[in-house]
Structures are given as C-alpha cells and as structure tokens.
Amino acid sequence: MNFSHGTPNFDRLAKLYRWMEWTSFGPWLGWCRCAYLDDLLACRRVLVLGDGDGRFTSRLLAANPIVRIDAVDASAAMLRALVRQAGPHADRVRTHRADARCWQPAPGSPYDAICTHFFLDCLTTREIQSLAATLRQVVSPATVWIVSEFSIPDGRFGSLVARPLVSALYRAFGGLTGLAVRRLPDHRAALREAGFLLQKRRTGLAGLLTSELWSTGPEAPFPSSKTSAIAPANYVTNMLKSFLKELVDSSPNPASLSEDESLSHAPCKRRTAPRQPGPRLQTGAD
C-alpha cells in the first residue's frame, strides 16, 4: 500500500520516554497497558508492536515464564531499550527493526496474542485496516489483541479537555519525531473490518484512556448502563500516593481502570505465575 506519511523517528526519545510519560500522565498509561495482563499468562507466543522502551514487554516476561515475544519497532534505540528492560528474560525476545505497516510476520504457528499499546494512534485508519488484515493471517480463533489508546469521550470533558490535550500531544510528537498523523484513527472500525471483535473494555481518566481486548470470537454485548469513573475529589491525593508507591513497586494495577464490559471467554487467562499487587486508586460507584 502507499503510506500517507513516512516513518517517524523515535530514537531521540528512547532515554526520555519514561519520564515524559510520568510527567504528563503519572502511572496511568502503565496501568492501561497492563489492564489485561492476566489474560496473557498462559500465552506462549506474543507479538508486540511499538512498545517503546519495553516496559510492557518486561512486565509480560516477568509474569509469564513460558512466553516468547516478537517485538517490532522502527526505532533501533527503542528496541535496545526494550532489550535492556527485559533484563534476564531478554533471551525470550526476538526484535525486528521495521515499520510495522510493511513488516511481514514469518510463516509458522499462530500468535496467541497481539499487543499494541499507544501505537495505533501513530497510524491512519486505513493503515490500521491494512495492518489488521495482514495480522489476521497469523492468528487462531483463540488469539486475543490487546489495545491501549487515547480516546475522546462524548460530552464537555471530551470537547473541552480530551480533544485539545490529544491535539497538543500530536503536535508535540510531530515536532519531536516527524509523526505526520494529527488525529486519532478509528481503530475499532479498522479491527472490525479485519474480523476482530471487541470482548472487553476498560476506561480511565474519565474516558481519556481505553484498554481493550479483541478476539476473532463472537462479540460481547455491551450493557450501556454499566459505567464507572474515578472520584474527582480523591484523584490528586491518590495520584500522589500512587506515584510514591510506583517508585518502590512498579507493578501495575489494572483495577484502577473502570470496567465497562466483560465476557467470560478469555482464551489465555489461566494464571501460571503469581504477581505482586500494585498501587490502588479509589474508584467511584457505578
């Protein structure tokens, strides 16, 4: 396909990425990435696209002692950071320096899971459609696709806070990396077109963040009445507490994200290794 823009260069951000993220969003993006980590604990073969400095990859390797990961990134510096982050588990990671839009997975057994955390927002909807169609060829009926992304919710928060914030992030990353995309793609429409169906979804920060679990099985029904949000009065206090706890225990806490939908079907959910609980944040009532 003809790409609408060139490959952005994230090399210069490799050493700063973690601290840029903490300064702007604290632990929230990390929690969003790991919201469905438990669903991956029995997976043996996982494809991770654009994991940046590798914090999610490191979490998955530590939590699942049998998993082997193919990590794809266009940035050599980010891949080096990912391997360093993997530490003693680095021998279970195979890196591929490539633009994911044109990378072709090698023939072989299907992946048990695909993970894209804050990566699809670097693509256009059309590019995600092409990527999903390619990856559809290397999945099985039990494969799950974990997506973490920014989202612009409906209402005043979406129009007055989320949309300007996302636009500012695009401008900043455009200037730093050459990223040409300037608005969020419709990744849900793209994944559905390729035959993936949404099974679970969690949201955080009033809907600004979303973490989703997709598969090729039947789509889960979404009860519109089930919503949950963080209590605004406790947000600042709890964020400071969580920041201090993160310095000594960086285990993510998926429970801090509100659960919108769930389905009993979880292809890779069998737990194989214990995990230490992470910091907790109070949530509001449904």
C-alpha atoms as a PDB file:
ATOM      1  CA  MET A   1       0.000   0.000   0.000  1.00  0.00           C
ATOM      2  CA  ASN A   2       1.024   3.628  -0.363  1.00  0.00           C
ATOM      3  CA  PHE A   3       1.621   5.140   3.080  1.00  0.00           C
ATOM      4  CA  SER A   4       0.192   8.575   3.766  1.00  0.00           C
ATOM      5  CA  HIS A   5       3.356   9.574   5.624  1.00  0.00           C
ATOM      6  CA  GLY A   6       6.920   8.429   6.270  1.00  0.00           C
ATOM      7  CA  THR A   7       8.268   6.559   9.251  1.00  0.00           C
ATOM      8  CA  PRO A   8       8.647   8.792  12.338  1.00  0.00           C
ATOM      9  CA  ASN A   9      11.946   8.673  14.229  1.00  0.00           C
ATOM     10  CA  PHE A  10      11.559   7.968  17.954  1.00  0.00           C
ATOM     11  CA  ASP A  11      15.264   7.362  18.598  1.00  0.00           C
ATOM     12  CA  ARG A  12      15.841  10.659  20.389  1.00  0.00           C
ATOM     13  CA  LEU A  13      13.030   9.890  22.860  1.00  0.00           C
ATOM     14  CA  ALA A  14      14.273   6.463  23.954  1.00  0.00           C
ATOM     15  CA  LYS A  15      16.051   7.686  27.095  1.00  0.00           C
ATOM     16  CA  LEU A  16      13.412  10.280  27.974  1.00  0.00           C
ATOM     17  CA  TYR A  17      10.216   8.420  27.165  1.00  0.00           C
ATOM     18  CA  ARG A  18       9.551   7.022  30.641  1.00  0.00           C
ATOM     19  CA  TRP A  19       9.981  10.391  32.341  1.00  0.00           C
ATOM     20  CA  MET A  20       7.982  12.251  29.706  1.00  0.00           C
ATOM     21  CA  GLU A  21       5.163   9.827  30.335  1.00  0.00           C
ATOM     22  CA  TRP A  22       5.370  10.125  34.129  1.00  0.00           C
ATOM     23  CA  THR A  23       5.456  13.916  33.975  1.00  0.00           C
ATOM     24  CA  SER A  24       2.328  14.085  31.841  1.00  0.00           C
ATOM     25  CA  PHE A  25       0.208  11.125  32.992  1.00  0.00           C
ATOM     26  CA  GLY A  26       1.836   9.607  36.069  1.00  0.00           C
ATOM     27  CA  PRO A  27       1.235   5.837  36.279  1.00  0.00           C
ATOM     28  CA  TRP A  28      -1.939   5.875  34.195  1.00  0.00           C
ATOM     29  CA  LEU A  29      -0.513   4.770  30.858  1.00  0.00           C
ATOM     30  CA  GLY A  30       1.321   1.908  32.562  1.00  0.00           C
ATOM     31  CA  TRP A  31      -1.864   0.726  34.229  1.00  0.00           C
ATOM     32  CA  CYS A  32      -3.696   0.979  30.934  1.00  0.00           C
ATOM     33  CA  ARG A  33      -1.084  -1.182  29.185  1.00  0.00           C
ATOM     34  CA  CYS A  34      -1.344  -3.885  31.839  1.00  0.00           C
ATOM     35  CA  ALA A  35      -5.123  -3.874  32.303  1.00  0.00           C
ATOM     36  CA  TYR A  36      -5.381  -7.310  30.667  1.00  0.00           C
ATOM     37  CA  LEU A  37      -2.015  -8.753  31.626  1.00  0.00           C
ATOM     38  CA  ASP A  38      -3.735 -11.615  33.457  1.00  0.00           C
ATOM     39  CA  ASP A  39      -5.353 -12.670  30.182  1.00  0.00           C
ATOM     40  CA  LEU A  40      -1.888 -13.323  28.739  1.00  0.00           C
ATOM     41  CA  LEU A  41      -0.407 -15.512  31.449  1.00  0.00           C
ATOM     42  CA  ALA A  42      -0.839 -18.765  29.535  1.00  0.00           C
ATOM     43  CA  CYS A  43       0.159 -17.408  26.127  1.00  0.00           C
ATOM     44  CA  ARG A  44       3.261 -18.913  24.562  1.00  0.00           C
ATOM     45  CA  ARG A  45       3.792 -16.714  21.523  1.00  0.00           C
ATOM     46  CA  VAL A  46       3.024 -12.990  21.560  1.00  0.00           C
ATOM     47  CA  LEU A  47       3.538 -10.221  19.011  1.00  0.00           C
ATOM     48  CA  VAL A  48       4.200  -6.750  20.469  1.00  0.00           C
ATOM     49  CA  LEU A  49       4.150  -3.766  18.114  1.00  0.00           C
ATOM     50  CA  GLY A  50       5.621  -0.401  19.075  1.00  0.00           C
ATOM     51  CA  ASP A  51       6.186  -0.973  22.799  1.00  0.00           C
ATOM     52  CA  GLY A  52       8.659   1.893  23.018  1.00  0.00           C
ATOM     53  CA  ASP A  53      11.194   1.355  25.794  1.00  0.00           C
ATOM     54  CA  GLY A  54       9.711  -2.036  26.615  1.00  0.00           C
ATOM     55  CA  ARG A  55       8.044  -1.624  29.994  1.00  0.00           C
ATOM     56  CA  PHE A  56       5.011  -3.685  28.988  1.00  0.00           C
ATOM     57  CA  THR A  57       7.224  -6.357  27.404  1.00  0.00           C
ATOM     58  CA  SER A  58       9.210  -6.564  30.636  1.00  0.00           C
ATOM     59  CA  ARG A  59       6.032  -6.970  32.702  1.00  0.00           C
ATOM     60  CA  LEU A  60       4.749  -9.734  30.451  1.00  0.00           C
ATOM     61  CA  LEU A  61       8.058 -11.620  30.500  1.00  0.00           C
ATOM     62  CA  ALA A  62       8.230 -11.465  34.298  1.00  0.00           C
ATOM     63  CA  ALA A  63       4.601 -12.549  34.737  1.00  0.00           C
ATOM     64  CA  ASN A  64       4.623 -15.342  32.154  1.00  0.00           C
ATOM     65  CA  PRO A  65       7.693 -17.634  32.305  1.00  0.00           C
ATOM     66  CA  ILE A  66       6.783 -19.536  29.121  1.00  0.00           C
ATOM     67  CA  VAL A  67       6.057 -16.674  26.740  1.00  0.00           C
ATOM     68  CA  ARG A  68       8.290 -15.801  23.784  1.00  0.00           C
ATOM     69  CA  ILE A  69       7.849 -12.372  22.243  1.00  0.00           C
ATOM     70  CA  ASP A  70       8.376 -10.907  18.808  1.00  0.00           C
ATOM     71  CA  ALA A  71       8.893  -7.155  19.279  1.00  0.00           C
ATOM     72  CA  VAL A  72       8.556  -4.904  16.226  1.00  0.00           C
ATOM     73  CA  ASP A  73       9.629  -1.248  16.227  1.00  0.00           C
ATOM     74  CA  ALA A  74      11.027   1.139  13.649  1.00  0.00           C
ATOM     75  CA  SER A  75      13.335   2.716  16.257  1.00  0.00           C
ATOM     76  CA  ALA A  76      16.658   0.964  16.891  1.00  0.00           C
ATOM     77  CA  ALA A  77      17.121   2.966  20.102  1.00  0.00           C
ATOM     78  CA  MET A  78      13.723   1.896  21.412  1.00  0.00           C
ATOM     79  CA  LEU A  79      14.480  -1.749  20.639  1.00  0.00           C
ATOM     80  CA  ARG A  80      17.783  -1.525  22.511  1.00  0.00           C
ATOM     81  CA  ALA A  81      15.948  -0.012  25.471  1.00  0.00           C
ATOM     82  CA  LEU A  82      13.350  -2.799  25.261  1.00  0.00           C
ATOM     83  CA  VAL A  83      16.032  -5.496  25.405  1.00  0.00           C
ATOM     84  CA  ARG A  84      17.713  -3.786  28.383  1.00  0.00           C
ATOM     85  CA  GLN A  85      14.352  -3.539  30.132  1.00  0.00           C
ATOM     86  CA  ALA A  86      13.781  -7.266  29.590  1.00  0.00           C
ATOM     87  CA  GLY A  87      16.880  -7.979  31.697  1.00  0.00           C
ATOM     88  CA  PRO A  88      17.359 -11.672  32.459  1.00  0.00           C
ATOM     89  CA  HIS A  89      14.409 -12.558  30.215  1.00  0.00           C
ATOM     90  CA  ALA A  90      15.899 -10.978  27.097  1.00  0.00           C
ATOM     91  CA  ASP A  91      16.633 -14.390  25.594  1.00  0.00           C
ATOM     92  CA  ARG A  92      12.880 -14.834  25.153  1.00  0.00           C
ATOM     93  CA  VAL A  93      12.585 -11.717  22.990  1.00  0.00           C
ATOM     94  CA  ARG A  94      13.228 -11.532  19.269  1.00  0.00           C
ATOM     95  CA  THR A  95      13.425  -7.974  17.947  1.00  0.00           C
ATOM     96  CA  HIS A  96      12.529  -6.791  14.463  1.00  0.00           C
ATOM     97  CA  ARG A  97      13.557  -3.310  13.393  1.00  0.00           C
ATOM     98  CA  ALA A  98      10.874  -2.484  10.854  1.00  0.00           C
ATOM     99  CA  ASP A  99       7.967  -0.207  10.080  1.00  0.00           C
ATOM    100  CA  ALA A 100       5.021  -2.285  11.296  1.00  0.00           C
ATOM    101  CA  ARG A 101       2.952  -1.087   8.353  1.00  0.00           C
ATOM    102  CA  CYS A 102       5.104  -3.090   5.943  1.00  0.00           C
ATOM    103  CA  TRP A 103       6.508  -5.799   8.257  1.00  0.00           C
ATOM    104  CA  GLN A 104       5.547  -9.324   7.270  1.00  0.00           C
ATOM    105  CA  PRO A 105       5.405 -11.977  10.013  1.00  0.00           C
ATOM    106  CA  ALA A 106       7.245 -15.173   9.215  1.00  0.00           C
ATOM    107  CA  PRO A 107       5.133 -18.252   8.497  1.00  0.00           C
ATOM    108  CA  GLY A 108       4.699 -20.558  11.455  1.00  0.00           C
ATOM    109  CA  SER A 109       2.414 -21.257  14.368  1.00  0.00           C
ATOM    110  CA  PRO A 110      -0.125 -18.509  15.054  1.00  0.00           C
ATOM    111  CA  TYR A 111       0.361 -15.898  17.735  1.00  0.00           C
ATOM    112  CA  ASP A 112      -1.583 -16.359  20.947  1.00  0.00           C
ATOM    113  CA  ALA A 113      -1.796 -12.602  21.400  1.00  0.00           C
ATOM    114  CA  ILE A 114      -1.060  -9.300  19.681  1.00  0.00           C
ATOM    115  CA  CYS A 115      -0.356  -6.232  21.815  1.00  0.00           C
ATOM    116  CA  THR A 116      -0.403  -2.613  20.622  1.00  0.00           C
ATOM    117  CA  HIS A 117      -0.132  -0.029  23.397  1.00  0.00           C
ATOM    118  CA  PHE A 118      -0.379   3.621  22.350  1.00  0.00           C
ATOM    119  CA  PHE A 119       0.843   2.591  18.923  1.00  0.00           C
ATOM    120  CA  LEU A 120      -2.209   2.549  16.661  1.00  0.00           C
ATOM    121  CA  ASP A 121      -2.607   6.280  17.223  1.00  0.00           C
ATOM    122  CA  CYS A 122       0.552   6.732  15.133  1.00  0.00           C
ATOM    123  CA  LEU A 123      -1.294   5.309  12.117  1.00  0.00           C
ATOM    124  CA  THR A 124      -4.250   6.331   9.993  1.00  0.00           C
ATOM    125  CA  THR A 125      -7.453   4.313   9.961  1.00  0.00           C
ATOM    126  CA  ARG A 126      -6.575   2.975   6.518  1.00  0.00           C
ATOM    127  CA  GLU A 127      -3.119   1.891   7.706  1.00  0.00           C
ATOM    128  CA  ILE A 128      -4.631   0.054  10.685  1.00  0.00           C
ATOM    129  CA  GLN A 129      -7.017  -1.700   8.307  1.00  0.00           C
ATOM    130  CA  SER A 130      -4.069  -2.912   6.235  1.00  0.00           C
ATOM    131  CA  LEU A 131      -2.076  -3.945   9.328  1.00  0.00           C
ATOM    132  CA  ALA A 132      -5.033  -5.830  10.814  1.00  0.00           C
ATOM    133  CA  ALA A 133      -5.657  -7.643   7.536  1.00  0.00           C
ATOM    134  CA  THR A 134      -2.003  -8.766   7.481  1.00  0.00           C
ATOM    135  CA  LEU A 135      -2.044  -9.926  11.094  1.00  0.00           C
ATOM    136  CA  ARG A 136      -5.368 -11.702  10.601  1.00  0.00           C
ATOM    137  CA  GLN A 137      -3.369 -14.301   8.676  1.00  0.00           C
ATOM    138  CA  VAL A 138      -1.222 -15.231  11.707  1.00  0.00           C
ATOM    139  CA  VAL A 139      -3.904 -15.634  14.374  1.00  0.00           C
ATOM    140  CA  SER A 140      -6.048 -18.514  15.571  1.00  0.00           C
ATOM    141  CA  PRO A 141      -9.638 -18.470  16.862  1.00  0.00           C
ATOM    142  CA  ALA A 142      -8.176 -18.216  20.383  1.00  0.00           C
ATOM    143  CA  THR A 143      -5.883 -15.250  19.658  1.00  0.00           C
ATOM    144  CA  VAL A 144      -6.518 -12.010  21.542  1.00  0.00           C
ATOM    145  CA  TRP A 145      -5.475  -8.496  20.508  1.00  0.00           C
ATOM    146  CA  ILE A 146      -4.840  -6.098  23.389  1.00  0.00           C
ATOM    147  CA  VAL A 147      -5.167  -2.402  22.522  1.00  0.00           C
ATOM    148  CA  SER A 148      -4.393   0.597  24.744  1.00  0.00           C
ATOM    149  CA  GLU A 149      -5.201   4.009  23.313  1.00  0.00           C
ATOM    150  CA  PHE A 150      -6.255   7.557  23.912  1.00  0.00           C
ATOM    151  CA  SER A 151      -9.911   8.283  23.317  1.00  0.00           C
ATOM    152  CA  ILE A 152     -12.085  11.366  23.097  1.00  0.00           C
ATOM    153  CA  PRO A 153     -15.260  10.729  25.102  1.00  0.00           C
ATOM    154  CA  ASP A 154     -18.571  12.393  24.439  1.00  0.00           C
ATOM    155  CA  GLY A 155     -19.613  15.431  26.434  1.00  0.00           C
ATOM    156  CA  ARG A 156     -17.937  18.560  27.721  1.00  0.00           C
ATOM    157  CA  PHE A 157     -14.878  16.760  29.068  1.00  0.00           C
ATOM    158  CA  GLY A 158     -14.252  15.339  25.628  1.00  0.00           C
ATOM    159  CA  SER A 159     -14.629  18.627  23.791  1.00  0.00           C
ATOM    160  CA  LEU A 160     -13.020  20.930  26.355  1.00  0.00           C
ATOM    161  CA  VAL A 161     -10.246  18.729  27.785  1.00  0.00           C
ATOM    162  CA  ALA A 162      -9.613  15.483  25.916  1.00  0.00           C
ATOM    163  CA  ARG A 163      -9.676  16.808  22.346  1.00  0.00           C
ATOM    164  CA  PRO A 164      -7.314  19.787  22.986  1.00  0.00           C
ATOM    165  CA  LEU A 165      -4.990  17.547  25.019  1.00  0.00           C
ATOM    166  CA  VAL A 166      -4.779  14.898  22.298  1.00  0.00           C
ATOM    167  CA  SER A 167      -4.188  17.604  19.689  1.00  0.00           C
ATOM    168  CA  ALA A 168      -1.362  19.028  21.803  1.00  0.00           C
ATOM    169  CA  LEU A 169       0.227  15.578  22.122  1.00  0.00           C
ATOM    170  CA  TYR A 170       0.113  15.104  18.364  1.00  0.00           C
ATOM    171  CA  ARG A 171       1.753  18.477  17.776  1.00  0.00           C
ATOM    172  CA  ALA A 172       4.475  17.712  20.323  1.00  0.00           C
ATOM    173  CA  PHE A 173       5.284  14.281  18.934  1.00  0.00           C
ATOM    174  CA  GLY A 174       5.075  15.629  15.418  1.00  0.00           C
ATOM    175  CA  GLY A 175       7.764  18.160  16.221  1.00  0.00           C
ATOM    176  CA  LEU A 176       9.954  15.674  18.095  1.00  0.00           C
ATOM    177  CA  THR A 177       9.679  12.659  15.809  1.00  0.00           C
ATOM    178  CA  GLY A 178       8.273  13.773  12.475  1.00  0.00           C
ATOM    179  CA  LEU A 179       4.976  11.969  13.087  1.00  0.00           C
ATOM    180  CA  ALA A 180       2.560  13.229  10.437  1.00  0.00           C
ATOM    181  CA  VAL A 181      -0.701  11.898  11.909  1.00  0.00           C
ATOM    182  CA  ARG A 182      -2.695  14.642  13.629  1.00  0.00           C
ATOM    183  CA  ARG A 183      -5.868  12.951  14.831  1.00  0.00           C
ATOM    184  CA  LEU A 184      -6.921   9.693  16.404  1.00  0.00           C
ATOM    185  CA  PRO A 185      -7.771   6.963  13.912  1.00  0.00           C
ATOM    186  CA  ASP A 186     -10.919   4.861  14.152  1.00  0.00           C
ATOM    187  CA  HIS A 187      -9.094   1.723  15.242  1.00  0.00           C
ATOM    188  CA  ARG A 188     -12.308  -0.040  16.249  1.00  0.00           C
ATOM    189  CA  ALA A 189     -13.771   0.195  12.748  1.00  0.00           C
ATOM    190  CA  ALA A 190     -10.449  -0.974  11.286  1.00  0.00           C
ATOM    191  CA  LEU A 191     -10.200  -4.018  13.551  1.00  0.00           C
ATOM    192  CA  ARG A 192     -13.826  -4.985  12.967  1.00  0.00           C
ATOM    193  CA  GLU A 193     -13.319  -4.797   9.217  1.00  0.00           C
ATOM    194  CA  ALA A 194     -10.483  -7.328   9.563  1.00  0.00           C
ATOM    195  CA  GLY A 195     -12.701  -9.709  11.535  1.00  0.00           C
ATOM    196  CA  PHE A 196     -11.679  -8.855  15.109  1.00  0.00           C
ATOM    197  CA  LEU A 197     -14.437  -8.362  17.672  1.00  0.00           C
ATOM    198  CA  LEU A 198     -14.361  -6.359  20.900  1.00  0.00           C
ATOM    199  CA  GLN A 199     -14.705  -8.531  24.013  1.00  0.00           C
ATOM    200  CA  LYS A 200     -13.735  -6.309  26.955  1.00  0.00           C
ATOM    201  CA  ARG A 201     -13.097  -2.644  27.534  1.00  0.00           C
ATOM    202  CA  ARG A 202     -11.843  -0.574  30.450  1.00  0.00           C
ATOM    203  CA  THR A 203     -11.542   3.179  30.635  1.00  0.00           C
ATOM    204  CA  GLY A 204      -9.593   5.605  32.800  1.00  0.00           C
ATOM    205  CA  LEU A 205      -9.307   9.351  33.360  1.00  0.00           C
ATOM    206  CA  ALA A 206     -12.969   9.973  32.525  1.00  0.00           C
ATOM    207  CA  GLY A 207     -12.680   8.108  29.236  1.00  0.00           C
ATOM    208  CA  LEU A 208      -9.455   9.707  28.004  1.00  0.00           C
ATOM    209  CA  LEU A 209      -7.734   6.291  28.176  1.00  0.00           C
ATOM    210  CA  THR A 210      -9.115   2.996  26.966  1.00  0.00           C
ATOM    211  CA  SER A 211      -7.788  -0.540  27.196  1.00  0.00           C
ATOM    212  CA  GLU A 212      -9.497  -3.167  25.055  1.00  0.00           C
ATOM    213  CA  LEU A 213      -9.365  -6.909  24.465  1.00  0.00           C
ATOM    214  CA  TRP A 214     -10.311  -8.092  20.981  1.00  0.00           C
ATOM    215  CA  SER A 215     -10.563 -11.590  19.511  1.00  0.00           C
ATOM    216  CA  THR A 216     -11.963 -13.350  16.482  1.00  0.00           C
ATOM    217  CA  GLY A 217     -14.741 -14.938  18.536  1.00  0.00           C
ATOM    218  CA  PRO A 218     -18.304 -13.665  18.987  1.00  0.00           C
ATOM    219  CA  GLU A 219     -18.524 -10.025  20.038  1.00  0.00           C
ATOM    220  CA  ALA A 220     -19.517  -9.326  23.623  1.00  0.00           C
ATOM    221  CA  PRO A 221     -22.793  -7.498  24.290  1.00  0.00           C
ATOM    222  CA  PHE A 222     -22.189  -4.060  25.813  1.00  0.00           C
ATOM    223  CA  PRO A 223     -24.562  -3.110  28.650  1.00  0.00           C
ATOM    224  CA  SER A 224     -24.927   0.655  28.279  1.00  0.00           C
ATOM    225  CA  SER A 225     -25.857   1.118  31.939  1.00  0.00           C
ATOM    226  CA  LYS A 226     -22.584  -0.192  33.342  1.00  0.00           C
ATOM    227  CA  THR A 227     -20.148   2.681  33.720  1.00  0.00           C
ATOM    228  CA  SER A 228     -17.639   3.695  36.363  1.00  0.00           C
ATOM    229  CA  ALA A 229     -15.483   6.722  36.939  1.00  0.00           C
ATOM    230  CA  ILE A 230     -12.738   7.872  39.287  1.00  0.00           C
ATOM    231  CA  ALA A 231     -13.933  10.013  42.179  1.00  0.00           C
ATOM    232  CA  PRO A 232     -12.676  13.544  41.317  1.00  0.00           C
ATOM    233  CA  ALA A 233     -12.282  14.623  44.933  1.00  0.00           C
ATOM    234  CA  ASN A 234      -9.774  11.863  45.650  1.00  0.00           C
ATOM    235  CA  TYR A 235      -7.874  11.980  42.371  1.00  0.00           C
ATOM    236  CA  VAL A 236      -4.973  14.303  43.287  1.00  0.00           C
ATOM    237  CA  THR A 237      -4.337  12.718  46.700  1.00  0.00           C
ATOM    238  CA  ASN A 238      -4.423   9.207  45.336  1.00  0.00           C
ATOM    239  CA  MET A 239      -2.247  10.097  42.354  1.00  0.00           C
ATOM    240  CA  LEU A 240       0.479  11.400  44.680  1.00  0.00           C
ATOM    241  CA  LYS A 241       0.271   8.259  46.801  1.00  0.00           C
ATOM    242  CA  SER A 242       0.443   6.089  43.700  1.00  0.00           C
ATOM    243  CA  PHE A 243       3.465   7.977  42.396  1.00  0.00           C
ATOM    244  CA  LEU A 244       5.395   7.311  45.611  1.00  0.00           C
ATOM    245  CA  LYS A 245       4.401   3.644  45.621  1.00  0.00           C
ATOM    246  CA  GLU A 246       5.413   3.279  41.978  1.00  0.00           C
ATOM    247  CA  LEU A 247       8.960   4.252  42.851  1.00  0.00           C
ATOM    248  CA  VAL A 248       9.329   1.187  45.061  1.00  0.00           C
ATOM    249  CA  ASP A 249       6.830  -1.178  43.455  1.00  0.00           C
ATOM    250  CA  SER A 250       6.181  -0.602  39.788  1.00  0.00           C
ATOM    251  CA  SER A 251       3.656  -3.431  39.417  1.00  0.00           C
ATOM    252  CA  PRO A 252       0.638  -2.103  37.512  1.00  0.00           C
ATOM    253  CA  ASN A 253      -2.849  -2.105  38.926  1.00  0.00           C
ATOM    254  CA  PRO A 254      -5.420  -2.828  36.258  1.00  0.00           C
ATOM    255  CA  ALA A 255      -8.187  -2.481  38.862  1.00  0.00           C
ATOM    256  CA  SER A 256      -7.643   1.285  38.767  1.00  0.00           C
ATOM    257  CA  LEU A 257      -9.268   1.353  35.351  1.00  0.00           C
ATOM    258  CA  SER A 258     -13.038   1.224  35.256  1.00  0.00           C
ATOM    259  CA  GLU A 259     -14.561  -1.918  33.789  1.00  0.00           C
ATOM    260  CA  ASP A 260     -17.117  -1.207  31.047  1.00  0.00           C
ATOM    261  CA  GLU A 261     -17.695  -4.670  29.650  1.00  0.00           C
ATOM    262  CA  SER A 262     -16.504  -8.197  30.302  1.00  0.00           C
ATOM    263  CA  LEU A 263     -17.015 -11.620  28.810  1.00  0.00           C
ATOM    264  CA  SER A 264     -16.322 -14.941  30.465  1.00  0.00           C
ATOM    265  CA  HIS A 265     -14.421 -16.064  27.345  1.00  0.00           C
ATOM    266  CA  ALA A 266     -10.705 -15.389  27.918  1.00  0.00           C
ATOM    267  CA  PRO A 267      -8.502 -17.540  25.661  1.00  0.00           C
ATOM    268  CA  CYS A 268      -5.213 -17.081  27.539  1.00  0.00           C
ATOM    269  CA  LYS A 269      -6.445 -16.382  31.034  1.00  0.00           C
ATOM    270  CA  ARG A 270      -5.043 -19.352  33.010  1.00  0.00           C
ATOM    271  CA  ARG A 271      -2.584 -17.961  35.537  1.00  0.00           C
ATOM    272  CA  THR A 272       0.849 -19.561  35.581  1.00  0.00           C
ATOM    273  CA  ALA A 273       2.836 -17.303  37.872  1.00  0.00           C
ATOM    274  CA  PRO A 274       1.960 -15.125  40.888  1.00  0.00           C
ATOM    275  CA  ARG A 275       2.104 -11.346  40.620  1.00  0.00           C
ATOM    276  CA  GLN A 276       2.554  -8.786  43.352  1.00  0.00           C
ATOM    277  CA  PRO A 277      -0.354  -6.342  43.745  1.00  0.00           C
ATOM    278  CA  GLY A 278       0.303  -2.802  42.606  1.00  0.00           C
ATOM    279  CA  PRO A 279      -0.861   0.547  43.994  1.00  0.00           C
ATOM    280  CA  ARG A 280      -4.601   1.088  44.229  1.00  0.00           C
ATOM    281  CA  LEU A 281      -6.674   4.104  43.368  1.00  0.00           C
ATOM    282  CA  GLN A 282     -10.196   4.560  44.655  1.00  0.00           C
ATOM    283  CA  THR A 283     -12.927   4.470  42.061  1.00  0.00           C
ATOM    284  CA  GLY A 284     -16.364   5.944  42.096  1.00  0.00           C
ATOM    285  CA  ALA A 285     -19.536   3.920  42.242  1.00  0.00           C
ATOM    286  CA  ASP A 286     -21.254   2.739  39.097  1.00  0.00           C
END
